[in-house]
Amino acid sequence: MRHLSETHRPVDIFISKDEKWHINGIERSPERILKNIDVVFNALHNISGEENNIQTLLDSHGVSHTGSDKVASAMAMNRWITKERARLIGIKTPVSVLVRRSDSLVTKAKEAFDSLPHPLVIKPAHGGSDVAWYKADSFDELLTALENILFFSDSAVVEEYISGKFASCGVTNNFRSKESYAFPPVEFVSPDEARCPGNFTDKEKKEIERVAELIHNKLGLKNYSSSDFVVSPRRGVYLLEVNTIPQLHDKSFLPKSLEAVGVEVKEFIHHLLHLTIFKTGIMP
């Protein structure tokens, strides 16, 4: 809102957790709100904005929106599908097992515990890592983590934990004369600290950027995305997951990548709107 106020007429549309829509703080129906909107900048992170619900609604009203379409969004937000697509195109990702709510929990947990290297990481198959993320060393810890996740999610991914440096790499389309462009990867030093450029070798940096571009294109993502990685000193670069709507607030990682290549957040937001409205366009 702050970055658009000088050049556009931004309207604050807020959706509460009970799915009530508000415009400038006043509750209104989506139909009434969207009637006079030219384009929506989708800033909904996680399932609400990235899985495909909001894209389907906006498409039904003929409203253009930033970010990927509903099919690509749904695919990218499903960790298991993303992993399967990554494997098919030769991208390394931690070995894993899918556990569904309908499975025999103890049997499936034992299969994962016996077949995967330890320790284990357990996540919902859908949604961002901030929804739930567990690390397990024992069978009881694995079983408890699965029970907690399957209480609210229909499936979970159990994968090997790979020790190394954690990174995120943003990608955008039609930028600096490239159809897809990878920004310098950010290294997460701690949960509260990220740096760019990260402490990666040239080979690691190039591989992170290559894979981020490749998965962005193979999943059919649009406008922008980011991919998370772990870089093992012995095993190399492994893809963890993909985000279709990277956060742009002051403490998020993408602004650090933008700054590293001399791009202001305001300029990048305008680029995303340009891509959305005109469906194409090269940013110098």
Protein backbone atom coordinates (compact mmCIF):
# COMPACT_ATOMS: atom_id res chain seq x y z
CA MET A 1 0.00 0.00 0.00
CA ARG A 2 2.80 2.37 0.94
CA HIS A 3 4.78 1.71 -2.23
CA LEU A 4 1.77 2.15 -4.53
CA SER A 5 0.21 5.28 -3.02
CA GLU A 6 2.15 7.74 -5.18
CA THR A 7 1.39 6.11 -8.54
CA HIS A 8 -1.87 4.19 -8.09
CA ARG A 9 -5.09 4.27 -6.12
CA PRO A 10 -4.57 1.28 -3.85
CA VAL A 11 -7.58 -0.16 -2.02
CA ASP A 12 -7.18 -2.17 1.18
CA ILE A 13 -9.04 -5.48 0.86
CA PHE A 14 -8.86 -7.61 3.99
CA ILE A 15 -10.19 -11.18 4.38
CA SER A 16 -10.65 -12.32 7.97
CA LYS A 17 -10.08 -15.89 9.16
CA ASP A 18 -13.82 -16.55 8.98
CA GLU A 19 -13.62 -15.54 5.27
CA LYS A 20 -15.46 -12.24 5.62
CA TRP A 21 -14.31 -9.66 3.08
CA HIS A 22 -13.67 -6.03 4.04
CA ILE A 23 -12.81 -2.96 1.99
CA ASN A 24 -11.20 -0.07 3.88
CA GLY A 25 -12.34 -1.78 7.08
CA ILE A 26 -16.00 -2.17 6.04
CA GLU A 27 -17.48 -5.64 5.50
CA ARG A 28 -18.75 -6.16 1.97
CA SER A 29 -19.40 -9.14 -0.31
CA PRO A 30 -16.57 -10.16 -2.68
CA GLU A 31 -18.84 -9.45 -5.64
CA ARG A 32 -19.43 -5.88 -4.53
CA ILE A 33 -15.76 -5.25 -3.71
CA LEU A 34 -14.34 -6.70 -6.92
CA LYS A 35 -16.78 -4.89 -9.21
CA ASN A 36 -14.62 -1.74 -9.31
CA ILE A 37 -11.15 -3.27 -8.99
CA ASP A 38 -8.77 -3.23 -11.98
CA VAL A 39 -6.16 -5.65 -10.65
CA VAL A 40 -5.55 -7.47 -7.38
CA PHE A 41 -2.11 -7.66 -5.82
CA ASN A 42 -2.36 -11.00 -4.03
CA ALA A 43 -0.51 -10.64 -0.73
CA LEU A 44 -2.12 -13.64 0.97
CA HIS A 45 0.61 -15.98 2.16
CA ASN A 46 0.18 -19.72 2.73
CA ILE A 47 -2.91 -21.78 1.92
CA SER A 48 -5.43 -18.93 1.61
CA GLY A 49 -3.54 -17.16 -1.13
CA GLU A 50 -1.21 -19.74 -2.62
CA GLU A 51 -3.11 -23.00 -2.90
CA ASN A 52 -5.74 -21.81 -5.46
CA ASN A 53 -8.86 -20.70 -3.55
CA ILE A 54 -8.45 -16.96 -4.10
CA GLN A 55 -7.27 -17.43 -7.70
CA THR A 56 -10.43 -19.41 -8.51
CA LEU A 57 -12.63 -16.71 -7.01
CA LEU A 58 -10.84 -13.86 -8.80
CA ASP A 59 -10.91 -15.74 -12.10
CA SER A 60 -14.66 -16.29 -11.75
CA HIS A 61 -15.09 -12.50 -11.49
CA GLY A 62 -12.70 -11.79 -14.36
CA VAL A 63 -10.24 -9.91 -12.14
CA SER A 64 -6.54 -10.07 -13.03
CA HIS A 65 -4.22 -10.87 -10.13
CA THR A 66 -0.51 -11.08 -9.46
CA GLY A 67 1.08 -14.46 -9.01
CA SER A 68 0.46 -17.85 -10.58
CA ASP A 69 -2.83 -19.22 -11.86
CA LYS A 70 -4.97 -21.63 -9.85
CA VAL A 71 -3.57 -24.86 -11.35
CA ALA A 72 0.10 -23.96 -10.91
CA SER A 73 -0.58 -22.56 -7.42
CA ALA A 74 -2.30 -25.74 -6.26
CA MET A 75 0.52 -27.88 -7.65
CA ALA A 76 3.34 -25.84 -6.10
CA MET A 77 1.68 -25.68 -2.68
CA ASN A 78 1.47 -29.48 -2.58
CA ARG A 79 4.89 -30.55 -1.31
CA TRP A 80 4.51 -34.12 -2.50
CA ILE A 81 3.55 -33.16 -6.07
CA THR A 82 6.39 -30.63 -6.15
CA LYS A 83 8.83 -33.32 -5.01
CA GLU A 84 7.57 -35.76 -7.63
CA ARG A 85 7.92 -33.17 -10.41
CA ALA A 86 11.38 -32.24 -9.14
CA ARG A 87 12.55 -35.86 -9.21
CA LEU A 88 11.25 -36.35 -12.75
CA ILE A 89 13.41 -33.49 -14.04
CA GLY A 90 16.52 -34.52 -12.13
CA ILE A 91 16.34 -32.08 -9.20
CA LYS A 92 17.66 -33.48 -5.92
CA THR A 93 15.19 -33.42 -3.02
CA PRO A 94 15.33 -35.27 0.35
CA VAL A 95 14.03 -38.85 0.21
CA SER A 96 10.55 -38.97 1.67
CA VAL A 97 7.35 -40.89 2.36
CA LEU A 98 3.77 -39.59 2.00
CA VAL A 99 1.41 -40.41 4.89
CA ARG A 100 -2.33 -39.92 4.36
CA ARG A 101 -4.97 -39.59 7.04
CA SER A 102 -6.69 -42.66 5.57
CA ASP A 103 -3.54 -44.81 6.00
CA SER A 104 -2.91 -47.13 8.91
CA LEU A 105 -0.90 -44.59 10.90
CA VAL A 106 1.31 -46.97 12.87
CA THR A 107 2.08 -49.10 9.79
CA LYS A 108 2.93 -46.09 7.62
CA ALA A 109 4.94 -44.43 10.38
CA LYS A 110 6.95 -47.64 10.84
CA GLU A 111 7.59 -47.77 7.07
CA ALA A 112 8.92 -44.19 7.12
CA PHE A 113 10.96 -44.74 10.29
CA ASP A 114 12.58 -47.93 8.96
CA SER A 115 13.26 -46.74 5.39
CA LEU A 116 14.45 -43.13 5.78
CA PRO A 117 17.75 -41.83 7.17
CA HIS A 118 17.46 -40.21 10.60
CA PRO A 119 16.66 -37.68 11.96
CA LEU A 120 13.32 -37.11 10.24
CA VAL A 121 11.41 -33.96 9.30
CA ILE A 122 7.61 -34.04 9.28
CA LYS A 123 5.49 -31.39 7.51
CA PRO A 124 1.94 -31.05 6.17
CA ALA A 125 1.75 -31.94 2.48
CA HIS A 126 -0.06 -28.63 1.94
CA GLY A 127 0.79 -25.15 3.22
CA GLY A 128 3.89 -23.31 4.38
CA SER A 129 6.44 -24.59 6.89
CA ASP A 130 5.25 -22.06 9.45
CA VAL A 131 1.96 -24.00 9.72
CA ALA A 132 3.71 -26.99 11.32
CA TRP A 133 7.23 -28.41 11.23
CA TYR A 134 8.59 -31.22 13.37
CA LYS A 135 11.94 -32.96 13.74
CA ALA A 136 11.96 -36.51 15.10
CA ASP A 137 14.71 -38.83 16.31
CA SER A 138 12.52 -41.56 17.78
CA PHE A 139 9.50 -43.51 16.57
CA ASP A 140 7.31 -42.00 19.32
CA GLU A 141 8.30 -38.48 18.24
CA LEU A 142 7.45 -39.34 14.63
CA LEU A 143 4.08 -40.80 15.59
CA THR A 144 3.17 -37.76 17.71
CA ALA A 145 4.17 -35.36 14.92
CA LEU A 146 2.05 -37.26 12.40
CA GLU A 147 -0.95 -37.30 14.74
CA ASN A 148 -0.66 -33.54 15.25
CA ILE A 149 -0.41 -32.79 11.53
CA LEU A 150 -3.10 -35.23 10.38
CA PHE A 151 -5.50 -33.70 12.89
CA PHE A 152 -5.81 -30.63 10.60
CA SER A 153 -4.29 -31.82 7.30
CA ASP A 154 -5.26 -34.79 5.13
CA SER A 155 -1.65 -35.80 4.46
CA ALA A 156 1.90 -35.32 5.69
CA VAL A 157 5.37 -35.63 4.22
CA VAL A 158 8.11 -37.41 6.20
CA GLU A 159 11.59 -36.79 4.84
CA GLU A 160 15.23 -37.14 5.81
CA TYR A 161 16.82 -34.18 7.56
CA ILE A 162 19.83 -32.93 5.62
CA SER A 163 22.32 -30.86 7.57
CA GLY A 164 23.75 -27.81 5.85
CA LYS A 165 23.19 -24.16 4.96
CA PHE A 166 19.60 -23.13 4.30
CA ALA A 167 18.81 -20.83 1.40
CA SER A 168 15.96 -19.20 -0.51
CA CYS A 169 16.12 -18.00 -4.08
CA GLY A 170 13.56 -15.73 -5.74
CA VAL A 171 12.66 -15.87 -9.43
CA THR A 172 10.71 -13.44 -11.60
CA ASN A 173 9.67 -13.33 -15.25
CA ASN A 174 10.66 -10.95 -18.05
CA PHE A 175 13.31 -9.16 -16.06
CA ARG A 176 16.56 -7.65 -17.37
CA SER A 177 15.96 -9.09 -20.83
CA LYS A 178 15.56 -12.65 -19.50
CA GLU A 179 12.37 -14.69 -19.71
CA SER A 180 13.06 -15.96 -16.19
CA TYR A 181 15.56 -14.38 -13.82
CA ALA A 182 16.92 -15.75 -10.54
CA PHE A 183 17.93 -13.29 -7.84
CA PRO A 184 20.99 -13.96 -5.68
CA PRO A 185 20.18 -16.61 -3.07
CA VAL A 186 19.77 -15.59 0.55
CA GLU A 187 21.37 -17.63 3.34
CA PHE A 188 19.43 -18.13 6.56
CA VAL A 189 21.97 -17.82 9.36
CA SER A 190 19.29 -18.22 12.06
CA PRO A 191 15.46 -18.07 12.20
CA ASP A 192 15.74 -14.30 12.64
CA GLU A 193 18.74 -13.51 10.45
CA ALA A 194 19.29 -13.79 6.71
CA ARG A 195 22.08 -12.42 4.56
CA CYS A 196 22.61 -11.72 0.91
CA PRO A 197 24.95 -12.52 -0.65
CA GLY A 198 25.00 -15.77 1.26
CA ASN A 199 28.09 -17.74 2.16
CA PHE A 200 27.93 -20.02 -0.89
CA THR A 201 30.61 -21.07 -3.33
CA ASP A 202 30.17 -19.94 -6.94
CA LYS A 203 29.19 -23.49 -7.85
CA GLU A 204 26.56 -23.67 -5.09
CA LYS A 205 25.17 -20.23 -5.97
CA LYS A 206 24.83 -21.10 -9.66
CA GLU A 207 23.16 -24.43 -8.85
CA ILE A 208 20.64 -22.82 -6.47
CA GLU A 209 19.76 -20.22 -9.11
CA ARG A 210 19.55 -22.86 -11.87
CA VAL A 211 17.20 -25.10 -9.89
CA ALA A 212 15.03 -22.17 -8.72
CA GLU A 213 14.53 -21.10 -12.35
CA LEU A 214 13.98 -24.67 -13.53
CA ILE A 215 11.28 -25.55 -10.98
CA HIS A 216 9.59 -22.15 -11.49
CA ASN A 217 9.29 -22.87 -15.20
CA LYS A 218 8.44 -26.58 -14.96
CA LEU A 219 5.60 -25.91 -12.52
CA GLY A 220 4.27 -23.18 -14.81
CA LEU A 221 4.60 -20.43 -12.20
CA LYS A 222 4.07 -16.80 -13.18
CA ASN A 223 5.28 -13.36 -12.11
CA TYR A 224 7.44 -14.52 -9.20
CA SER A 225 8.18 -17.36 -6.83
CA SER A 226 10.82 -18.47 -4.38
CA SER A 227 12.31 -21.86 -3.65
CA ASP A 228 13.87 -23.09 -0.41
CA PHE A 229 17.01 -25.21 -0.33
CA VAL A 230 19.47 -26.93 1.95
CA VAL A 231 23.10 -26.98 0.81
CA SER A 232 25.02 -29.93 2.17
CA PRO A 233 28.83 -29.61 2.19
CA ARG A 234 29.10 -33.22 1.00
CA ARG A 235 25.91 -33.87 -0.97
CA GLY A 236 25.26 -30.56 -2.72
CA VAL A 237 22.05 -28.59 -3.28
CA TYR A 238 18.65 -30.08 -2.36
CA LEU A 239 15.26 -28.50 -3.09
CA LEU A 240 12.95 -28.40 -0.06
CA GLU A 241 9.83 -26.57 -1.27
CA VAL A 242 8.43 -23.80 -3.47
CA ASN A 243 6.50 -20.65 -2.48
CA THR A 244 4.25 -19.03 -5.07
CA ILE A 245 3.82 -15.75 -3.17
CA PRO A 246 7.09 -14.75 -1.47
CA GLN A 247 6.67 -12.24 1.31
CA LEU A 248 7.77 -8.65 0.65
CA HIS A 249 7.73 -7.11 4.12
CA ASP A 250 10.84 -5.41 5.50
CA LYS A 251 12.06 -8.48 7.43
CA SER A 252 11.50 -11.02 4.66
CA PHE A 253 14.30 -12.38 2.49
CA LEU A 254 13.29 -11.24 -1.01
CA PRO A 255 13.95 -7.50 -0.42
CA LYS A 256 17.54 -8.47 0.48
CA SER A 257 17.90 -10.17 -2.90
CA LEU A 258 16.40 -7.17 -4.67
CA GLU A 259 18.79 -4.83 -2.89
CA ALA A 260 21.75 -7.02 -3.90
CA VAL A 261 21.01 -6.36 -7.60
CA GLY A 262 20.05 -2.70 -7.17
CA VAL A 263 16.25 -3.00 -7.32
CA GLU A 264 13.90 -1.25 -4.89
CA VAL A 265 10.83 -3.07 -3.57
CA LYS A 266 8.64 -0.33 -5.05
CA GLU A 267 10.18 -0.88 -8.48
CA PHE A 268 9.66 -4.64 -8.19
CA ILE A 269 6.01 -4.26 -7.19
CA HIS A 270 5.44 -2.10 -10.26
CA HIS A 271 7.12 -4.79 -12.36
CA LEU A 272 4.74 -7.45 -11.01
CA LEU A 273 1.72 -5.25 -11.72
CA HIS A 274 3.00 -4.58 -15.23
CA LEU A 275 3.35 -8.32 -15.86
CA THR A 276 -0.17 -8.90 -14.54
CA ILE A 277 -1.91 -6.16 -16.50
CA PHE A 278 -0.08 -6.53 -19.80
CA LYS A 279 0.74 -10.25 -19.45
CA THR A 280 4.26 -9.57 -20.68
CA GLY A 281 6.86 -6.85 -20.76
CA ILE A 282 10.59 -6.62 -20.26
CA MET A 283 11.90 -4.69 -17.29
CA PRO A 284 15.29 -3.06 -18.09
